[in-house]
PDB file of all heavy atoms in Angstrom:
ATOM      1  N   GLY A   1     100.916  96.745 134.218  1.00  0.00           N
ATOM      2  CA  GLY A   1     102.106  96.964 133.407  1.00  0.00           C
ATOM      3  C   GLY A   1     102.787  98.278 133.731  1.00  0.00           C
ATOM      4  O   GLY A   1     102.559  98.870 134.785  1.00  0.00           O
ATOM      5  N   THR A   2     103.591  98.754 132.775  1.00  0.00           N
ATOM      6  CA  THR A   2     104.382  99.960 132.967  1.00  0.00           C
ATOM      7  C   THR A   2     104.247 100.875 131.752  1.00  0.00           C
ATOM      8  O   THR A   2     104.517 100.438 130.630  1.00  0.00           O
ATOM      9  CB  THR A   2     105.877  99.592 133.129  1.00  0.00           C
ATOM     10  OG1 THR A   2     106.000  98.612 134.162  1.00  0.00           O
ATOM     11  CG2 THR A   2     106.725 100.796 133.451  1.00  0.00           C
ATOM     12  N   PRO A   3     103.862 102.146 131.953  1.00  0.00           N
ATOM     13  CA  PRO A   3     103.806 103.078 130.823  1.00  0.00           C
ATOM     14  C   PRO A   3     105.214 103.483 130.408  1.00  0.00           C
ATOM     15  O   PRO A   3     106.130 103.536 131.229  1.00  0.00           O
ATOM     16  CB  PRO A   3     103.040 104.273 131.393  1.00  0.00           C
ATOM     17  CG  PRO A   3     103.316 104.245 132.851  1.00  0.00           C
ATOM     18  CD  PRO A   3     103.480 102.784 133.210  1.00  0.00           C
ATOM     19  N   GLU A   4     105.360 103.766 129.126  1.00  0.00           N
ATOM     20  CA  GLU A   4     106.632 104.229 128.599  1.00  0.00           C
ATOM     21  C   GLU A   4     106.347 105.389 127.648  1.00  0.00           C
ATOM     22  O   GLU A   4     105.201 105.652 127.313  1.00  0.00           O
ATOM     23  CB  GLU A   4     107.362 103.083 127.906  1.00  0.00           C
ATOM     24  CG  GLU A   4     107.665 101.949 128.885  1.00  0.00           C
ATOM     25  CD  GLU A   4     108.380 100.771 128.272  1.00  0.00           C
ATOM     26  OE1 GLU A   4     108.492 100.696 127.036  1.00  0.00           O
ATOM     27  OE2 GLU A   4     108.837  99.916 129.045  1.00  0.00           O
ATOM     28  N   GLU A   5     107.369 106.068 127.214  1.00  0.00           N
ATOM     29  CA  GLU A   5     107.146 107.235 126.370  1.00  0.00           C
ATOM     30  C   GLU A   5     106.785 106.852 124.938  1.00  0.00           C
ATOM     31  O   GLU A   5     106.957 105.712 124.522  1.00  0.00           O
ATOM     32  CB  GLU A   5     108.364 108.149 126.393  1.00  0.00           C
ATOM     33  CG  GLU A   5     109.640 107.484 125.986  1.00  0.00           C
ATOM     34  CD  GLU A   5     110.860 108.351 126.258  1.00  0.00           C
ATOM     35  OE1 GLU A   5     110.879 109.089 127.250  1.00  0.00           O
ATOM     36  OE2 GLU A   5     111.796 108.263 125.458  1.00  0.00           O
ATOM     37  N   CYS A   6     106.270 107.843 124.217  1.00  0.00           N
ATOM     38  CA  CYS A   6     105.958 107.733 122.785  1.00  0.00           C
ATOM     39  C   CYS A   6     104.885 106.699 122.464  1.00  0.00           C
ATOM     40  O   CYS A   6     104.900 106.089 121.392  1.00  0.00           O
ATOM     41  CB  CYS A   6     107.208 107.451 121.969  1.00  0.00           C
ATOM     42  SG  CYS A   6     108.468 108.733 122.093  1.00  0.00           S
ATOM     43  N   GLY A   7     103.942 106.474 123.387  1.00  0.00           N
ATOM     44  CA  GLY A   7     102.856 105.551 123.119  1.00  0.00           C
ATOM     45  C   GLY A   7     103.167 104.094 123.400  1.00  0.00           C
ATOM     46  O   GLY A   7     102.395 103.216 123.050  1.00  0.00           O
ATOM     47  N   TRP A   8     104.300 103.827 124.028  1.00  0.00           N
ATOM     48  CA  TRP A   8     104.690 102.461 124.354  1.00  0.00           C
ATOM     49  C   TRP A   8     104.266 102.125 125.777  1.00  0.00           C
ATOM     50  O   TRP A   8     104.184 102.992 126.641  1.00  0.00           O
ATOM     51  CB  TRP A   8     106.208 102.297 124.272  1.00  0.00           C
ATOM     52  CG  TRP A   8     106.779 102.282 122.892  1.00  0.00           C
ATOM     53  CD1 TRP A   8     106.686 103.263 121.955  1.00  0.00           C
ATOM     54  CD2 TRP A   8     107.572 101.249 122.314  1.00  0.00           C
ATOM     55  NE1 TRP A   8     107.366 102.905 120.827  1.00  0.00           N
ATOM     56  CE2 TRP A   8     107.929 101.672 121.018  1.00  0.00           C
ATOM     57  CE3 TRP A   8     108.016 100.020 122.772  1.00  0.00           C
ATOM     58  CZ2 TRP A   8     108.704 100.904 120.166  1.00  0.00           C
ATOM     59  CZ3 TRP A   8     108.796  99.251 121.918  1.00  0.00           C
ATOM     60  CH2 TRP A   8     109.129  99.689 120.636  1.00  0.00           C
ATOM     61  N   LEU A   9     104.040 100.837 126.010  1.00  0.00           N
ATOM     62  CA  LEU A   9     103.838 100.317 127.357  1.00  0.00           C
ATOM     63  C   LEU A   9     104.296  98.873 127.376  1.00  0.00           C
ATOM     64  O   LEU A   9     104.410  98.236 126.331  1.00  0.00           O
ATOM     65  CB  LEU A   9     102.373 100.454 127.807  1.00  0.00           C
ATOM     66  CG  LEU A   9     101.293  99.664 127.061  1.00  0.00           C
ATOM     67  CD1 LEU A   9     101.141  98.248 127.604  1.00  0.00           C
ATOM     68  CD2 LEU A   9      99.972 100.397 127.177  1.00  0.00           C
ATOM     69  N   ARG A  10     104.583  98.406 128.572  1.00  0.00           N
ATOM     70  CA  ARG A  10     104.882  96.983 128.783  1.00  0.00           C
ATOM     71  C   ARG A  10     103.738  96.435 129.604  1.00  0.00           C
ATOM     72  O   ARG A  10     103.412  96.987 130.656  1.00  0.00           O
ATOM     73  CB  ARG A  10     106.205  96.797 129.506  1.00  0.00           C
ATOM     74  CG  ARG A  10     107.393  97.174 128.614  1.00  0.00           C
ATOM     75  CD  ARG A  10     108.690  97.070 129.368  1.00  0.00           C
ATOM     76  NE  ARG A  10     109.056  95.688 129.578  1.00  0.00           N
ATOM     77  CZ  ARG A  10     109.969  95.040 128.881  1.00  0.00           C
ATOM     78  NH1 ARG A  10     110.624  95.647 127.929  1.00  0.00           N
ATOM     79  NH2 ARG A  10     110.238  93.783 129.136  1.00  0.00           N
ATOM     80  N   ASP A  11     103.135  95.352 129.129  1.00  0.00           N
ATOM     81  CA  ASP A  11     102.013  94.776 129.867  1.00  0.00           C
ATOM     82  C   ASP A  11     102.524  93.957 131.050  1.00  0.00           C
ATOM     83  O   ASP A  11     103.731  93.847 131.278  1.00  0.00           O
ATOM     84  CB  ASP A  11     101.081  93.978 128.950  1.00  0.00           C
ATOM     85  CG  ASP A  11     101.672  92.681 128.410  1.00  0.00           C
ATOM     86  OD1 ASP A  11     102.628  92.124 129.005  1.00  0.00           O
ATOM     87  OD2 ASP A  11     101.153  92.191 127.390  1.00  0.00           O
ATOM     88  N   ARG A  12     101.605  93.394 131.804  1.00  0.00           N
ATOM     89  CA  ARG A  12     102.000  92.669 133.035  1.00  0.00           C
ATOM     90  C   ARG A  12     102.844  91.426 132.758  1.00  0.00           C
ATOM     91  O   ARG A  12     103.486  90.906 133.671  1.00  0.00           O
ATOM     92  CB  ARG A  12     100.761  92.311 133.850  1.00  0.00           C
ATOM     93  CG  ARG A  12      99.869  91.279 133.189  1.00  0.00           C
ATOM     94  CD  ARG A  12      98.624  91.024 133.991  1.00  0.00           C
ATOM     95  NE  ARG A  12      97.517  91.663 133.295  1.00  0.00           N
ATOM     96  CZ  ARG A  12      96.258  91.467 133.568  1.00  0.00           C
ATOM     97  NH1 ARG A  12      95.918  90.703 134.578  1.00  0.00           N
ATOM     98  NH2 ARG A  12      95.321  92.052 132.875  1.00  0.00           N
ATOM     99  N   TRP A  13     102.873  90.956 131.509  1.00  0.00           N
ATOM    100  CA  TRP A  13     103.714  89.809 131.145  1.00  0.00           C
ATOM    101  C   TRP A  13     105.052  90.246 130.560  1.00  0.00           C
ATOM    102  O   TRP A  13     105.882  89.421 130.222  1.00  0.00           O
ATOM    103  CB  TRP A  13     102.973  88.889 130.175  1.00  0.00           C
ATOM    104  CG  TRP A  13     101.770  88.266 130.807  1.00  0.00           C
ATOM    105  CD1 TRP A  13     101.750  87.164 131.633  1.00  0.00           C
ATOM    106  CD2 TRP A  13     100.430  88.722 130.740  1.00  0.00           C
ATOM    107  NE1 TRP A  13     100.478  86.927 132.061  1.00  0.00           N
ATOM    108  CE2 TRP A  13      99.629  87.867 131.525  1.00  0.00           C
ATOM    109  CE3 TRP A  13      99.802  89.785 130.084  1.00  0.00           C
ATOM    110  CZ2 TRP A  13      98.269  88.019 131.671  1.00  0.00           C
ATOM    111  CZ3 TRP A  13      98.428  89.951 130.232  1.00  0.00           C
ATOM    112  CH2 TRP A  13      97.674  89.072 131.023  1.00  0.00           C
ATOM    113  N   GLY A  14     105.230  91.562 130.390  1.00  0.00           N
ATOM    114  CA  GLY A  14     106.485  92.086 129.865  1.00  0.00           C
ATOM    115  C   GLY A  14     106.498  92.336 128.374  1.00  0.00           C
ATOM    116  O   GLY A  14     107.511  92.781 127.832  1.00  0.00           O
ATOM    117  N   VAL A  15     105.388  92.066 127.675  1.00  0.00           N
ATOM    118  CA  VAL A  15     105.314  92.307 126.231  1.00  0.00           C
ATOM    119  C   VAL A  15     105.229  93.813 125.984  1.00  0.00           C
ATOM    120  O   VAL A  15     104.463  94.521 126.640  1.00  0.00           O
ATOM    121  CB  VAL A  15     104.097  91.592 125.609  1.00  0.00           C
ATOM    122  CG1 VAL A  15     103.962  91.924 124.129  1.00  0.00           C
ATOM    123  CG2 VAL A  15     104.200  90.081 125.815  1.00  0.00           C
ATOM    124  N   SER A  16     106.023  94.311 125.032  1.00  0.00           N
ATOM    125  CA  SER A  16     106.005  95.725 124.658  1.00  0.00           C
ATOM    126  C   SER A  16     104.942  95.970 123.603  1.00  0.00           C
ATOM    127  O   SER A  16     104.841  95.227 122.620  1.00  0.00           O
ATOM    128  CB  SER A  16     107.365  96.153 124.103  1.00  0.00           C
ATOM    129  OG  SER A  16     108.343  96.113 125.106  1.00  0.00           O
ATOM    130  N   TRP A  17     104.155  97.010 123.825  1.00  0.00           N
ATOM    131  CA  TRP A  17     103.076  97.414 122.920  1.00  0.00           C
ATOM    132  C   TRP A  17     103.261  98.873 122.535  1.00  0.00           C
ATOM    133  O   TRP A  17     103.724  99.674 123.341  1.00  0.00           O
ATOM    134  CB  TRP A  17     101.722  97.283 123.610  1.00  0.00           C
ATOM    135  CG  TRP A  17     101.333  95.903 123.974  1.00  0.00           C
ATOM    136  CD1 TRP A  17     101.721  95.185 125.073  1.00  0.00           C
ATOM    137  CD2 TRP A  17     100.446  95.051 123.244  1.00  0.00           C
ATOM    138  NE1 TRP A  17     101.139  93.950 125.073  1.00  0.00           N
ATOM    139  CE2 TRP A  17     100.345  93.839 123.957  1.00  0.00           C
ATOM    140  CE3 TRP A  17      99.732  95.207 122.061  1.00  0.00           C
ATOM    141  CZ2 TRP A  17      99.557  92.784 123.518  1.00  0.00           C
ATOM    142  CZ3 TRP A  17      98.944  94.157 121.631  1.00  0.00           C
ATOM    143  CH2 TRP A  17      98.862  92.957 122.348  1.00  0.00           C
ATOM    144  N   GLN A  18     102.844  99.196 121.322  1.00  0.00           N
ATOM    145  CA  GLN A  18     102.707 100.576 120.889  1.00  0.00           C
ATOM    146  C   GLN A  18     101.224 100.789 120.576  1.00  0.00           C
ATOM    147  O   GLN A  18     100.677 100.076 119.732  1.00  0.00           O
ATOM    148  CB  GLN A  18     103.527 100.848 119.636  1.00  0.00           C
ATOM    149  CG  GLN A  18     105.013 100.670 119.818  1.00  0.00           C
ATOM    150  CD  GLN A  18     105.742 100.918 118.526  1.00  0.00           C
ATOM    151  OE1 GLN A  18     105.719 102.014 117.982  1.00  0.00           O
ATOM    152  NE2 GLN A  18     106.385  99.879 118.015  1.00  0.00           N
ATOM    153  N   ILE A  19     100.605 101.725 121.254  1.00  0.00           N
ATOM    154  CA  ILE A  19      99.198 102.030 121.011  1.00  0.00           C
ATOM    155  C   ILE A  19      99.179 103.406 120.357  1.00  0.00           C
ATOM    156  O   ILE A  19      99.505 104.417 120.997  1.00  0.00           O
ATOM    157  CB  ILE A  19      98.382 102.032 122.330  1.00  0.00           C
ATOM    158  CG1 ILE A  19      98.680 100.772 123.163  1.00  0.00           C
ATOM    159  CG2 ILE A  19      96.900 102.181 122.017  1.00  0.00           C
ATOM    160  CD1 ILE A  19      98.445  99.456 122.454  1.00  0.00           C
ATOM    161  N   ALA A  20      98.841 103.443 119.086  1.00  0.00           N
ATOM    162  CA  ALA A  20      99.018 104.669 118.309  1.00  0.00           C
ATOM    163  C   ALA A  20      97.817 104.937 117.405  1.00  0.00           C
ATOM    164  O   ALA A  20      97.155 104.012 116.955  1.00  0.00           O
ATOM    165  CB  ALA A  20     100.275 104.547 117.459  1.00  0.00           C
ATOM    166  N   PRO A  21      97.581 106.227 117.122  1.00  0.00           N
ATOM    167  CA  PRO A  21      96.542 106.538 116.148  1.00  0.00           C
ATOM    168  C   PRO A  21      96.995 106.112 114.749  1.00  0.00           C
ATOM    169  O   PRO A  21      98.171 106.276 114.399  1.00  0.00           O
ATOM    170  CB  PRO A  21      96.388 108.056 116.242  1.00  0.00           C
ATOM    171  CG  PRO A  21      97.616 108.560 116.911  1.00  0.00           C
ATOM    172  CD  PRO A  21      98.197 107.417 117.688  1.00  0.00           C
ATOM    173  N   ARG A  22      96.077 105.574 113.995  1.00  0.00           N
ATOM    174  CA  ARG A  22      96.365 105.162 112.612  1.00  0.00           C
ATOM    175  C   ARG A  22      96.938 106.344 111.823  1.00  0.00           C
ATOM    176  O   ARG A  22      97.812 106.198 110.985  1.00  0.00           O
ATOM    177  CB  ARG A  22      95.086 104.643 111.952  1.00  0.00           C
ATOM    178  CG  ARG A  22      95.276 104.034 110.596  1.00  0.00           C
ATOM    179  CD  ARG A  22      93.979 103.466 110.031  1.00  0.00           C
ATOM    180  NE  ARG A  22      93.193 102.722 110.990  1.00  0.00           N
ATOM    181  CZ  ARG A  22      93.372 101.436 111.320  1.00  0.00           C
ATOM    182  NH1 ARG A  22      94.342 100.761 110.757  1.00  0.00           N
ATOM    183  NH2 ARG A  22      92.590 100.852 112.193  1.00  0.00           N
ATOM    184  N   ARG A  23      96.465 107.525 112.118  1.00  0.00           N
ATOM    185  CA  ARG A  23      96.859 108.739 111.397  1.00  0.00           C
ATOM    186  C   ARG A  23      98.327 109.134 111.650  1.00  0.00           C
ATOM    187  O   ARG A  23      98.922 109.851 110.846  1.00  0.00           O
ATOM    188  CB  ARG A  23      95.914 109.865 111.833  1.00  0.00           C
ATOM    189  CG  ARG A  23      96.227 111.213 111.305  1.00  0.00           C
ATOM    190  CD  ARG A  23      95.380 111.581 110.112  1.00  0.00           C
ATOM    191  NE  ARG A  23      95.587 112.991 109.836  1.00  0.00           N
ATOM    192  CZ  ARG A  23      96.508 113.446 108.992  1.00  0.00           C
ATOM    193  NH1 ARG A  23      97.258 112.610 108.300  1.00  0.00           N
ATOM    194  NH2 ARG A  23      96.666 114.739 108.796  1.00  0.00           N
ATOM    195  N   LEU A  24      98.924 108.667 112.720  1.00  0.00           N
ATOM    196  CA  LEU A  24     100.287 109.090 113.087  1.00  0.00           C
ATOM    197  C   LEU A  24     101.289 108.845 111.967  1.00  0.00           C
ATOM    198  O   LEU A  24     102.061 109.742 111.617  1.00  0.00           O
ATOM    199  CB  LEU A  24     100.741 108.383 114.369  1.00  0.00           C
ATOM    200  CG  LEU A  24     102.168 108.685 114.828  1.00  0.00           C
ATOM    201  CD1 LEU A  24     102.344 110.168 115.129  1.00  0.00           C
ATOM    202  CD2 LEU A  24     102.520 107.837 116.030  1.00  0.00           C
ATOM    203  N   MET A  25     101.328 107.675 111.409  1.00  0.00           N
ATOM    204  CA  MET A  25     102.319 107.381 110.365  1.00  0.00           C
ATOM    205  C   MET A  25     102.072 108.211 109.109  1.00  0.00           C
ATOM    206  O   MET A  25     103.022 108.598 108.430  1.00  0.00           O
ATOM    207  CB  MET A  25     102.354 105.890 110.052  1.00  0.00           C
ATOM    208  CG  MET A  25     102.952 105.048 111.188  1.00  0.00           C
ATOM    209  SD  MET A  25     104.530 105.666 111.845  1.00  0.00           S
ATOM    210  CE  MET A  25     105.586 105.483 110.432  1.00  0.00           C
ATOM    211  N   GLU A  26     100.816 108.513 108.807  1.00  0.00           N
ATOM    212  CA  GLU A  26     100.532 109.389 107.664  1.00  0.00           C
ATOM    213  C   GLU A  26     101.157 110.757 107.890  1.00  0.00           C
ATOM    214  O   GLU A  26     101.732 111.340 106.966  1.00  0.00           O
ATOM    215  CB  GLU A  26      99.019 109.551 107.482  1.00  0.00           C
ATOM    216  CG  GLU A  26      98.291 108.301 107.092  1.00  0.00           C
ATOM    217  CD  GLU A  26      96.771 108.479 107.153  1.00  0.00           C
ATOM    218  OE1 GLU A  26      96.291 109.629 107.299  1.00  0.00           O
ATOM    219  OE2 GLU A  26      96.078 107.458 107.070  1.00  0.00           O
ATOM    220  N   MET A  27     101.038 111.280 109.115  1.00  0.00           N
ATOM    221  CA  MET A  27     101.593 112.601 109.425  1.00  0.00           C
ATOM    222  C   MET A  27     103.123 112.569 109.386  1.00  0.00           C
ATOM    223  O   MET A  27     103.749 113.464 108.838  1.00  0.00           O
ATOM    224  CB  MET A  27     101.109 113.067 110.798  1.00  0.00           C
ATOM    225  CG  MET A  27      99.618 113.380 110.843  1.00  0.00           C
ATOM    226  SD  MET A  27      99.083 114.118 112.407  1.00  0.00           S
ATOM    227  CE  MET A  27      98.914 112.650 113.438  1.00  0.00           C
ATOM    228  N   ILE A  28     103.718 111.541 109.951  1.00  0.00           N
ATOM    229  CA  ILE A  28     105.181 111.484 110.046  1.00  0.00           C
ATOM    230  C   ILE A  28     105.845 111.232 108.694  1.00  0.00           C
ATOM    231  O   ILE A  28     106.916 111.763 108.412  1.00  0.00           O
ATOM    232  CB  ILE A  28     105.615 110.436 111.086  1.00  0.00           C
ATOM    233  CG1 ILE A  28     105.273 110.967 112.481  1.00  0.00           C
ATOM    234  CG2 ILE A  28     107.094 110.104 110.976  1.00  0.00           C
ATOM    235  CD1 ILE A  28     105.558 110.007 113.604  1.00  0.00           C
ATOM    236  N   ARG A  29     105.211 110.473 107.824  1.00  0.00           N
ATOM    237  CA  ARG A  29     105.853 110.182 106.536  1.00  0.00           C
ATOM    238  C   ARG A  29     105.368 111.095 105.412  1.00  0.00           C
ATOM    239  O   ARG A  29     105.752 110.909 104.261  1.00  0.00           O
ATOM    240  CB  ARG A  29     105.663 108.714 106.172  1.00  0.00           C
ATOM    241  CG  ARG A  29     104.264 108.336 105.820  1.00  0.00           C
ATOM    242  CD  ARG A  29     104.194 106.889 105.331  1.00  0.00           C
ATOM    243  NE  ARG A  29     102.811 106.538 105.123  1.00  0.00           N
ATOM    244  CZ  ARG A  29     102.158 105.615 105.802  1.00  0.00           C
ATOM    245  NH1 ARG A  29     102.767 104.917 106.706  1.00  0.00           N
ATOM    246  NH2 ARG A  29     100.887 105.379 105.554  1.00  0.00           N
ATOM    247  N   GLY A  30     104.578 112.102 105.752  1.00  0.00           N
ATOM    248  CA  GLY A  30     104.050 113.013 104.740  1.00  0.00           C
ATOM    249  C   GLY A  30     105.115 113.857 104.065  1.00  0.00           C
ATOM    250  O   GLY A  30     106.267 113.932 104.517  1.00  0.00           O
ATOM    251  N   ASP A  31     104.730 114.507 102.986  1.00  0.00           N
ATOM    252  CA  ASP A  31     105.655 115.332 102.206  1.00  0.00           C
ATOM    253  C   ASP A  31     106.081 116.599 102.939  1.00  0.00           C
ATOM    254  O   ASP A  31     107.171 117.108 102.696  1.00  0.00           O
ATOM    255  CB  ASP A  31     105.017 115.712 100.857  1.00  0.00           C
ATOM    256  CG  ASP A  31     104.858 114.510  99.944  1.00  0.00           C
ATOM    257  OD1 ASP A  31     105.623 113.533 100.100  1.00  0.00           O
ATOM    258  OD2 ASP A  31     103.967 114.554  99.068  1.00  0.00           O
ATOM    259  N   ASP A  32     105.237 117.110 103.819  1.00  0.00           N
ATOM    260  CA  ASP A  32     105.577 118.318 104.579  1.00  0.00           C
ATOM    261  C   ASP A  32     106.478 117.902 105.734  1.00  0.00           C
ATOM    262  O   ASP A  32     106.019 117.503 106.800  1.00  0.00           O
ATOM    263  CB  ASP A  32     104.294 118.996 105.078  1.00  0.00           C
ATOM    264  CG  ASP A  32     104.552 120.306 105.795  1.00  0.00           C
ATOM    265  OD1 ASP A  32     105.698 120.533 106.253  1.00  0.00           O
ATOM    266  OD2 ASP A  32     103.598 121.099 105.931  1.00  0.00           O
ATOM    267  N   ARG A  33     107.790 118.003 105.521  1.00  0.00           N
ATOM    268  CA  ARG A  33     108.765 117.512 106.505  1.00  0.00           C
ATOM    269  C   ARG A  33     108.766 118.359 107.777  1.00  0.00           C
ATOM    270  O   ARG A  33     109.053 117.861 108.851  1.00  0.00           O
ATOM    271  CB  ARG A  33     110.170 117.445 105.887  1.00  0.00           C
ATOM    272  CG  ARG A  33     110.281 116.520 104.664  1.00  0.00           C
ATOM    273  CD  ARG A  33     109.576 115.164 104.814  1.00  0.00           C
ATOM    274  NE  ARG A  33     110.106 114.376 105.905  1.00  0.00           N
ATOM    275  CZ  ARG A  33     109.434 113.447 106.576  1.00  0.00           C
ATOM    276  NH1 ARG A  33     108.187 113.166 106.263  1.00  0.00           N
ATOM    277  NH2 ARG A  33     109.987 112.775 107.554  1.00  0.00           N
ATOM    278  N   ALA A  34     108.433 119.646 107.671  1.00  0.00           N
ATOM    279  CA  ALA A  34     108.352 120.485 108.874  1.00  0.00           C
ATOM    280  C   ALA A  34     107.178 120.027 109.739  1.00  0.00           C
ATOM    281  O   ALA A  34     107.293 119.935 110.969  1.00  0.00           O
ATOM    282  CB  ALA A  34     108.220 121.956 108.500  1.00  0.00           C
ATOM    283  N   ALA A  35     106.052 119.727 109.103  1.00  0.00           N
ATOM    284  CA  ALA A  35     104.882 119.222 109.843  1.00  0.00           C
ATOM    285  C   ALA A  35     105.194 117.862 110.461  1.00  0.00           C
ATOM    286  O   ALA A  35     104.818 117.582 111.603  1.00  0.00           O
ATOM    287  CB  ALA A  35     103.667 119.140 108.925  1.00  0.00           C
ATOM    288  N   ALA A  36     105.905 117.028 109.713  1.00  0.00           N
ATOM    289  CA  ALA A  36     106.292 115.713 110.234  1.00  0.00           C
ATOM    290  C   ALA A  36     107.201 115.865 111.451  1.00  0.00           C
ATOM    291  O   ALA A  36     107.047 115.155 112.450  1.00  0.00           O
ATOM    292  CB  ALA A  36     106.989 114.902 109.144  1.00  0.00           C
ATOM    293  N   ALA A  37     108.132 116.800 111.391  1.00  0.00           N
ATOM    294  CA  ALA A  37     109.047 117.031 112.514  1.00  0.00           C
ATOM    295  C   ALA A  37     108.290 117.539 113.737  1.00  0.00           C
ATOM    296  O   ALA A  37     108.560 117.100 114.865  1.00  0.00           O
ATOM    297  CB  ALA A  37     110.142 118.019 112.104  1.00  0.00           C
TER     298      ALA A  37
END
């Protein structure tokens, strides 16, 4: 496949995947907006 930015990749069939830590969304949507940024 092909690597892409931000944890994305396209597999050999062309399907787009995001491989991410479970914790990522907790950090990004948290109350500390500076930490999220």
